[in-house]
Amino acid sequence: MPAFRIKEAADLLGVSDDTVRRWADSGRIETTTDSSGRQAVDGAALARFAQELAHDAAQLHAGDIAAASVRNRFTGLVTRVVKDTVMAQVEIQAGPHRFVSLMSREAADELGLEPGVLAVAAVKATNVSVEIPRAR
């Protein structure tokens, strides 16, 4: 299993490397040393921790929703809204992730979507592509 240096782990979690170091110092995330002797996080441990963070965030933002079929929810800020007479294009920045949604202008107006509004991008797709990046 690969090990990720603190900076890499931070990038993958969408936090600063100082935050990952604080989590490691407090025992919240377990670290090891990589082949160069630097502090690192085991890939499997990082994946489990990322799931815990996502679960905690989902619980925090669940609000009044009793149940939902959508599992992929990303809380972020609306950064751009482009409307014409019928449709609206809404962009949400959720951490390092940018989501673009096309909806009716009426829906965008009813939701009060404009830059700076807190929103949740709920993503459900039948096709998901998986890519493996080039080796580091």
N, C-alpha and C. Protein backbone atom coordinates (compact mmCIF):
# COMPACT_ATOMS: atom_id res chain seq x y z
N MET A 1 0.85 -1.17 0.00
CA MET A 1 0.00 0.00 0.00
C MET A 1 0.90 1.24 0.00
N PRO A 2 0.56 2.23 -0.81
CA PRO A 2 1.41 3.44 -0.85
C PRO A 2 1.29 4.25 0.44
N ALA A 3 2.32 5.02 0.69
CA ALA A 3 2.30 5.97 1.80
C ALA A 3 2.36 7.37 1.20
N PHE A 4 1.63 8.29 1.80
CA PHE A 4 1.57 9.65 1.30
C PHE A 4 2.24 10.59 2.30
N ARG A 5 3.12 11.42 1.81
CA ARG A 5 3.76 12.42 2.67
C ARG A 5 2.69 13.35 3.22
N ILE A 6 3.02 14.04 4.29
CA ILE A 6 2.05 14.91 4.97
C ILE A 6 1.43 15.92 4.00
N LYS A 7 2.23 16.55 3.18
CA LYS A 7 1.74 17.54 2.22
C LYS A 7 0.77 16.90 1.22
N GLU A 8 1.12 15.70 0.75
CA GLU A 8 0.24 15.00 -0.19
C GLU A 8 -1.07 14.61 0.49
N ALA A 9 -0.99 14.13 1.71
CA ALA A 9 -2.20 13.75 2.45
C ALA A 9 -3.08 14.98 2.66
N ALA A 10 -2.47 16.10 2.99
CA ALA A 10 -3.22 17.34 3.19
C ALA A 10 -3.94 17.75 1.91
N ASP A 11 -3.24 17.67 0.79
CA ASP A 11 -3.85 18.02 -0.50
C ASP A 11 -5.04 17.12 -0.80
N LEU A 12 -4.88 15.83 -0.52
CA LEU A 12 -5.96 14.88 -0.78
C LEU A 12 -7.17 15.10 0.13
N LEU A 13 -6.91 15.57 1.35
CA LEU A 13 -8.00 15.83 2.31
C LEU A 13 -8.58 17.24 2.18
N GLY A 14 -7.90 18.10 1.42
CA GLY A 14 -8.38 19.47 1.26
C GLY A 14 -8.14 20.34 2.47
N VAL A 15 -7.06 20.06 3.20
CA VAL A 15 -6.69 20.85 4.38
C VAL A 15 -5.22 21.23 4.27
N SER A 16 -4.74 22.02 5.22
CA SER A 16 -3.33 22.41 5.20
C SER A 16 -2.47 21.29 5.79
N ASP A 17 -1.18 21.30 5.43
CA ASP A 17 -0.28 20.31 6.00
C ASP A 17 -0.14 20.51 7.51
N ASP A 18 -0.27 21.74 8.00
CA ASP A 18 -0.24 21.98 9.44
C ASP A 18 -1.40 21.27 10.14
N THR A 19 -2.56 21.25 9.50
CA THR A 19 -3.72 20.56 10.08
C THR A 19 -3.45 19.07 10.19
N VAL A 20 -2.88 18.48 9.14
CA VAL A 20 -2.56 17.05 9.19
C VAL A 20 -1.53 16.78 10.27
N ARG A 21 -0.54 17.65 10.41
CA ARG A 21 0.45 17.47 11.47
C ARG A 21 -0.19 17.55 12.86
N ARG A 22 -1.12 18.50 13.05
CA ARG A 22 -1.81 18.59 14.34
C ARG A 22 -2.63 17.33 14.61
N TRP A 23 -3.32 16.82 13.58
CA TRP A 23 -4.09 15.58 13.73
C TRP A 23 -3.16 14.43 14.09
N ALA A 24 -1.98 14.38 13.47
CA ALA A 24 -1.02 13.32 13.76
C ALA A 24 -0.49 13.46 15.18
N ASP A 25 -0.15 14.68 15.59
CA ASP A 25 0.38 14.91 16.95
C ASP A 25 -0.63 14.55 18.02
N SER A 26 -1.93 14.77 17.72
CA SER A 26 -2.97 14.48 18.70
C SER A 26 -3.43 13.02 18.65
N GLY A 27 -2.91 12.26 17.67
CA GLY A 27 -3.29 10.86 17.55
C GLY A 27 -4.55 10.63 16.74
N ARG A 28 -5.08 11.67 16.14
CA ARG A 28 -6.32 11.53 15.37
C ARG A 28 -6.07 10.74 14.08
N ILE A 29 -4.88 10.90 13.50
CA ILE A 29 -4.51 10.13 12.30
C ILE A 29 -3.14 9.52 12.55
N GLU A 30 -3.01 8.25 12.20
CA GLU A 30 -1.77 7.53 12.44
C GLU A 30 -0.77 7.79 11.32
N THR A 31 0.48 8.00 11.70
CA THR A 31 1.52 8.23 10.70
C THR A 31 2.58 7.14 10.78
N THR A 32 3.37 7.10 9.75
CA THR A 32 4.48 6.17 9.65
C THR A 32 5.63 6.95 9.01
N THR A 33 6.68 6.26 8.63
CA THR A 33 7.75 6.94 7.89
C THR A 33 7.84 6.29 6.51
N ASP A 34 8.11 7.12 5.50
CA ASP A 34 8.24 6.58 4.14
C ASP A 34 9.66 6.08 3.92
N SER A 35 9.95 5.65 2.72
CA SER A 35 11.28 5.08 2.41
C SER A 35 12.41 6.08 2.58
N SER A 36 12.08 7.40 2.57
CA SER A 36 13.09 8.44 2.77
C SER A 36 13.21 8.84 4.23
N GLY A 37 12.43 8.20 5.11
CA GLY A 37 12.47 8.52 6.52
C GLY A 37 11.60 9.71 6.92
N ARG A 38 10.79 10.20 6.00
CA ARG A 38 9.90 11.33 6.29
C ARG A 38 8.57 10.83 6.83
N GLN A 39 7.92 11.68 7.61
CA GLN A 39 6.62 11.35 8.17
C GLN A 39 5.61 11.20 7.03
N ALA A 40 4.80 10.15 7.09
CA ALA A 40 3.84 9.86 6.03
C ALA A 40 2.61 9.20 6.63
N VAL A 41 1.58 9.08 5.80
CA VAL A 41 0.34 8.42 6.20
C VAL A 41 0.12 7.25 5.25
N ASP A 42 -0.10 6.07 5.81
CA ASP A 42 -0.39 4.89 5.01
C ASP A 42 -1.65 5.13 4.19
N GLY A 43 -1.66 4.70 2.93
CA GLY A 43 -2.78 4.94 2.03
C GLY A 43 -4.10 4.41 2.55
N ALA A 44 -4.11 3.20 3.12
CA ALA A 44 -5.35 2.63 3.64
C ALA A 44 -5.86 3.43 4.84
N ALA A 45 -4.94 3.85 5.71
CA ALA A 45 -5.34 4.66 6.87
C ALA A 45 -5.87 6.01 6.41
N LEU A 46 -5.24 6.58 5.39
CA LEU A 46 -5.70 7.87 4.86
C LEU A 46 -7.10 7.73 4.26
N ALA A 47 -7.35 6.64 3.56
CA ALA A 47 -8.68 6.41 2.97
C ALA A 47 -9.74 6.29 4.06
N ARG A 48 -9.44 5.54 5.12
CA ARG A 48 -10.40 5.40 6.24
C ARG A 48 -10.66 6.77 6.89
N PHE A 49 -9.60 7.54 7.09
CA PHE A 49 -9.74 8.85 7.72
C PHE A 49 -10.55 9.79 6.84
N ALA A 50 -10.33 9.75 5.53
CA ALA A 50 -11.11 10.58 4.59
C ALA A 50 -12.58 10.23 4.67
N GLN A 51 -12.90 8.93 4.81
CA GLN A 51 -14.29 8.52 4.95
C GLN A 51 -14.89 9.04 6.24
N GLU A 52 -14.12 9.01 7.33
CA GLU A 52 -14.60 9.54 8.60
C GLU A 52 -14.90 11.03 8.49
N LEU A 53 -13.98 11.77 7.87
CA LEU A 53 -14.19 13.21 7.69
C LEU A 53 -15.44 13.48 6.86
N ALA A 54 -15.62 12.71 5.79
CA ALA A 54 -16.80 12.89 4.93
C ALA A 54 -18.07 12.57 5.70
N HIS A 55 -18.05 11.51 6.50
CA HIS A 55 -19.22 11.13 7.29
C HIS A 55 -19.55 12.22 8.29
N ASP A 56 -18.53 12.74 8.98
CA ASP A 56 -18.74 13.81 9.95
C ASP A 56 -19.33 15.05 9.28
N ALA A 57 -18.81 15.40 8.10
CA ALA A 57 -19.31 16.57 7.38
C ALA A 57 -20.74 16.35 6.92
N ALA A 58 -21.05 15.13 6.48
CA ALA A 58 -22.41 14.83 6.04
C ALA A 58 -23.39 14.95 7.20
N GLN A 59 -22.98 14.47 8.38
CA GLN A 59 -23.85 14.58 9.56
C GLN A 59 -24.07 16.04 9.94
N LEU A 60 -23.03 16.83 9.82
CA LEU A 60 -23.10 18.25 10.17
C LEU A 60 -24.05 19.00 9.25
N HIS A 61 -24.08 18.61 7.96
CA HIS A 61 -24.86 19.34 6.97
C HIS A 61 -26.17 18.65 6.61
N ALA A 62 -26.50 17.57 7.29
CA ALA A 62 -27.71 16.82 6.94
C ALA A 62 -28.97 17.62 7.21
N GLY A 63 -28.94 18.47 8.24
CA GLY A 63 -30.09 19.32 8.53
C GLY A 63 -31.36 18.54 8.76
N ASP A 64 -32.43 18.95 8.08
CA ASP A 64 -33.74 18.36 8.28
C ASP A 64 -34.03 17.19 7.34
N ILE A 65 -33.05 16.75 6.58
CA ILE A 65 -33.26 15.65 5.64
C ILE A 65 -33.28 14.34 6.42
N ALA A 66 -34.38 13.59 6.29
CA ALA A 66 -34.50 12.32 7.00
C ALA A 66 -33.77 11.21 6.29
N ALA A 67 -33.82 11.20 4.96
CA ALA A 67 -33.15 10.16 4.18
C ALA A 67 -32.99 10.67 2.75
N ALA A 68 -31.99 10.14 2.06
CA ALA A 68 -31.77 10.54 0.67
C ALA A 68 -31.09 9.42 -0.08
N SER A 69 -31.35 9.34 -1.36
CA SER A 69 -30.70 8.30 -2.17
C SER A 69 -29.33 8.76 -2.65
N VAL A 70 -29.08 10.06 -2.61
CA VAL A 70 -27.80 10.60 -3.05
C VAL A 70 -26.80 10.51 -1.91
N ARG A 71 -25.65 9.91 -2.18
CA ARG A 71 -24.63 9.74 -1.14
C ARG A 71 -23.50 10.77 -1.25
N ASN A 72 -23.33 11.33 -2.42
CA ASN A 72 -22.21 12.24 -2.66
C ASN A 72 -22.70 13.67 -2.52
N ARG A 73 -22.44 14.27 -1.36
CA ARG A 73 -22.90 15.62 -1.06
C ARG A 73 -21.69 16.48 -0.74
N PHE A 74 -21.59 17.61 -1.43
CA PHE A 74 -20.45 18.50 -1.28
C PHE A 74 -20.95 19.89 -0.91
N THR A 75 -20.66 20.33 0.30
CA THR A 75 -21.08 21.66 0.74
C THR A 75 -20.04 22.68 0.29
N GLY A 76 -20.51 23.75 -0.30
CA GLY A 76 -19.60 24.78 -0.79
C GLY A 76 -20.32 26.09 -1.02
N LEU A 77 -19.66 26.98 -1.71
CA LEU A 77 -20.20 28.30 -2.00
C LEU A 77 -20.50 28.44 -3.48
N VAL A 78 -21.64 29.06 -3.76
CA VAL A 78 -21.95 29.39 -5.15
C VAL A 78 -20.96 30.46 -5.58
N THR A 79 -20.29 30.23 -6.71
CA THR A 79 -19.30 31.19 -7.19
C THR A 79 -19.75 31.92 -8.44
N ARG A 80 -20.72 31.36 -9.16
CA ARG A 80 -21.15 31.98 -10.41
C ARG A 80 -22.54 31.47 -10.76
N VAL A 81 -23.38 32.37 -11.25
CA VAL A 81 -24.71 32.00 -11.75
C VAL A 81 -24.93 32.74 -13.06
N VAL A 82 -25.20 31.98 -14.12
CA VAL A 82 -25.49 32.57 -15.42
C VAL A 82 -26.91 32.14 -15.79
N LYS A 83 -27.79 33.14 -16.02
CA LYS A 83 -29.19 32.83 -16.32
C LYS A 83 -29.58 33.38 -17.68
N ASP A 84 -30.43 32.63 -18.37
CA ASP A 84 -31.09 33.18 -19.55
C ASP A 84 -32.59 33.14 -19.26
N THR A 85 -33.41 33.18 -20.25
CA THR A 85 -34.85 33.23 -19.99
C THR A 85 -35.41 31.91 -19.48
N VAL A 86 -34.74 30.79 -19.78
CA VAL A 86 -35.27 29.48 -19.40
C VAL A 86 -34.36 28.72 -18.44
N MET A 87 -33.04 28.76 -18.65
CA MET A 87 -32.09 27.94 -17.91
C MET A 87 -31.11 28.77 -17.08
N ALA A 88 -30.48 28.09 -16.13
CA ALA A 88 -29.43 28.72 -15.32
C ALA A 88 -28.26 27.74 -15.19
N GLN A 89 -27.06 28.28 -15.23
CA GLN A 89 -25.84 27.51 -14.97
C GLN A 89 -25.30 27.99 -13.65
N VAL A 90 -25.15 27.07 -12.69
CA VAL A 90 -24.72 27.42 -11.34
C VAL A 90 -23.41 26.70 -11.04
N GLU A 91 -22.41 27.44 -10.59
CA GLU A 91 -21.13 26.86 -10.22
C GLU A 91 -20.96 26.92 -8.71
N ILE A 92 -20.51 25.79 -8.14
CA ILE A 92 -20.28 25.69 -6.69
C ILE A 92 -18.84 25.25 -6.48
N GLN A 93 -18.13 25.93 -5.59
CA GLN A 93 -16.78 25.54 -5.21
C GLN A 93 -16.86 24.92 -3.83
N ALA A 94 -16.56 23.62 -3.73
CA ALA A 94 -16.60 22.89 -2.47
C ALA A 94 -15.20 22.36 -2.21
N GLY A 95 -14.41 23.09 -1.43
CA GLY A 95 -13.01 22.72 -1.24
C GLY A 95 -12.31 22.78 -2.58
N PRO A 96 -11.57 21.74 -2.94
CA PRO A 96 -10.87 21.76 -4.23
C PRO A 96 -11.77 21.35 -5.40
N HIS A 97 -13.03 21.06 -5.12
CA HIS A 97 -13.94 20.55 -6.15
C HIS A 97 -14.85 21.63 -6.69
N ARG A 98 -14.96 21.70 -8.01
CA ARG A 98 -15.85 22.65 -8.68
C ARG A 98 -16.97 21.86 -9.34
N PHE A 99 -18.20 22.24 -9.04
CA PHE A 99 -19.37 21.59 -9.60
C PHE A 99 -20.14 22.59 -10.44
N VAL A 100 -20.63 22.13 -11.57
CA VAL A 100 -21.45 22.97 -12.44
C VAL A 100 -22.79 22.27 -12.61
N SER A 101 -23.88 22.98 -12.33
CA SER A 101 -25.21 22.41 -12.44
C SER A 101 -26.04 23.23 -13.42
N LEU A 102 -26.76 22.53 -14.26
CA LEU A 102 -27.71 23.18 -15.15
C LEU A 102 -29.11 22.91 -14.61
N MET A 103 -29.88 23.96 -14.45
CA MET A 103 -31.24 23.83 -13.91
C MET A 103 -32.11 24.89 -14.54
N SER A 104 -33.40 24.82 -14.27
CA SER A 104 -34.29 25.85 -14.79
C SER A 104 -34.00 27.16 -14.08
N ARG A 105 -34.24 28.25 -14.78
CA ARG A 105 -34.07 29.57 -14.17
C ARG A 105 -35.01 29.70 -12.97
N GLU A 106 -36.20 29.15 -13.12
CA GLU A 106 -37.19 29.20 -12.04
C GLU A 106 -36.64 28.55 -10.77
N ALA A 107 -35.98 27.38 -10.90
CA ALA A 107 -35.41 26.70 -9.74
C ALA A 107 -34.30 27.54 -9.10
N ALA A 108 -33.43 28.11 -9.93
CA ALA A 108 -32.33 28.94 -9.40
C ALA A 108 -32.89 30.16 -8.67
N ASP A 109 -33.94 30.76 -9.23
CA ASP A 109 -34.57 31.92 -8.58
C ASP A 109 -35.21 31.52 -7.26
N GLU A 110 -35.94 30.40 -7.25
CA GLU A 110 -36.60 29.94 -6.02
C GLU A 110 -35.60 29.62 -4.91
N LEU A 111 -34.43 29.08 -5.31
CA LEU A 111 -33.40 28.76 -4.32
C LEU A 111 -32.58 29.98 -3.90
N GLY A 112 -32.76 31.10 -4.61
CA GLY A 112 -32.02 32.31 -4.29
C GLY A 112 -30.53 32.17 -4.56
N LEU A 113 -30.18 31.43 -5.60
CA LEU A 113 -28.78 31.17 -5.89
C LEU A 113 -28.10 32.38 -6.49
N GLU A 114 -27.02 32.80 -5.86
CA GLU A 114 -26.18 33.90 -6.32
C GLU A 114 -24.82 33.72 -5.67
N PRO A 115 -23.77 34.33 -6.22
CA PRO A 115 -22.44 34.16 -5.64
C PRO A 115 -22.43 34.48 -4.14
N GLY A 116 -21.78 33.58 -3.38
CA GLY A 116 -21.67 33.75 -1.94
C GLY A 116 -22.66 32.95 -1.14
N VAL A 117 -23.68 32.37 -1.79
CA VAL A 117 -24.69 31.57 -1.09
C VAL A 117 -24.11 30.19 -0.77
N LEU A 118 -24.32 29.72 0.46
CA LEU A 118 -23.92 28.38 0.85
C LEU A 118 -24.88 27.38 0.22
N ALA A 119 -24.34 26.36 -0.44
CA ALA A 119 -25.18 25.38 -1.13
C ALA A 119 -24.53 24.00 -1.05
N VAL A 120 -25.32 22.98 -1.31
CA VAL A 120 -24.84 21.60 -1.33
C VAL A 120 -25.01 21.06 -2.74
N ALA A 121 -23.92 20.57 -3.32
CA ALA A 121 -23.99 19.88 -4.61
C ALA A 121 -24.21 18.41 -4.30
N ALA A 122 -25.38 17.90 -4.63
CA ALA A 122 -25.71 16.49 -4.42
C ALA A 122 -25.56 15.79 -5.76
N VAL A 123 -24.62 14.85 -5.82
CA VAL A 123 -24.25 14.24 -7.10
C VAL A 123 -24.68 12.78 -7.11
N LYS A 124 -25.42 12.41 -8.14
CA LYS A 124 -25.80 11.02 -8.33
C LYS A 124 -25.63 10.71 -9.81
N ALA A 125 -24.82 9.73 -10.10
CA ALA A 125 -24.55 9.39 -11.49
C ALA A 125 -24.52 7.88 -11.65
N THR A 126 -24.93 7.42 -12.80
CA THR A 126 -24.86 5.99 -13.07
C THR A 126 -23.50 5.59 -13.62
N ASN A 127 -22.74 6.55 -14.13
CA ASN A 127 -21.41 6.27 -14.68
C ASN A 127 -20.37 7.09 -13.94
N VAL A 128 -19.39 6.41 -13.40
CA VAL A 128 -18.29 7.08 -12.73
C VAL A 128 -17.00 6.52 -13.31
N SER A 129 -16.16 7.39 -13.83
CA SER A 129 -14.86 6.97 -14.36
C SER A 129 -13.83 7.02 -13.25
N VAL A 130 -12.93 6.06 -13.24
CA VAL A 130 -11.85 6.01 -12.27
C VAL A 130 -10.55 6.09 -13.03
N GLU A 131 -9.67 7.01 -12.59
CA GLU A 131 -8.37 7.17 -13.22
C GLU A 131 -7.27 7.00 -12.20
N ILE A 132 -6.14 6.51 -12.62
CA ILE A 132 -4.97 6.37 -11.76
C ILE A 132 -3.94 7.38 -12.26
N PRO A 133 -3.50 8.31 -11.39
CA PRO A 133 -2.51 9.30 -11.82
C PRO A 133 -1.14 8.65 -12.04
N ARG A 134 -0.29 9.35 -12.80
CA ARG A 134 1.08 8.88 -13.01
C ARG A 134 1.78 8.77 -11.66
N ALA A 135 2.72 7.89 -11.57
CA ALA A 135 3.47 7.69 -10.34
C ALA A 135 4.16 8.98 -9.92
N ARG A 136 4.25 9.18 -8.62
CA ARG A 136 4.88 10.38 -8.09
C ARG A 136 6.35 10.36 -8.28
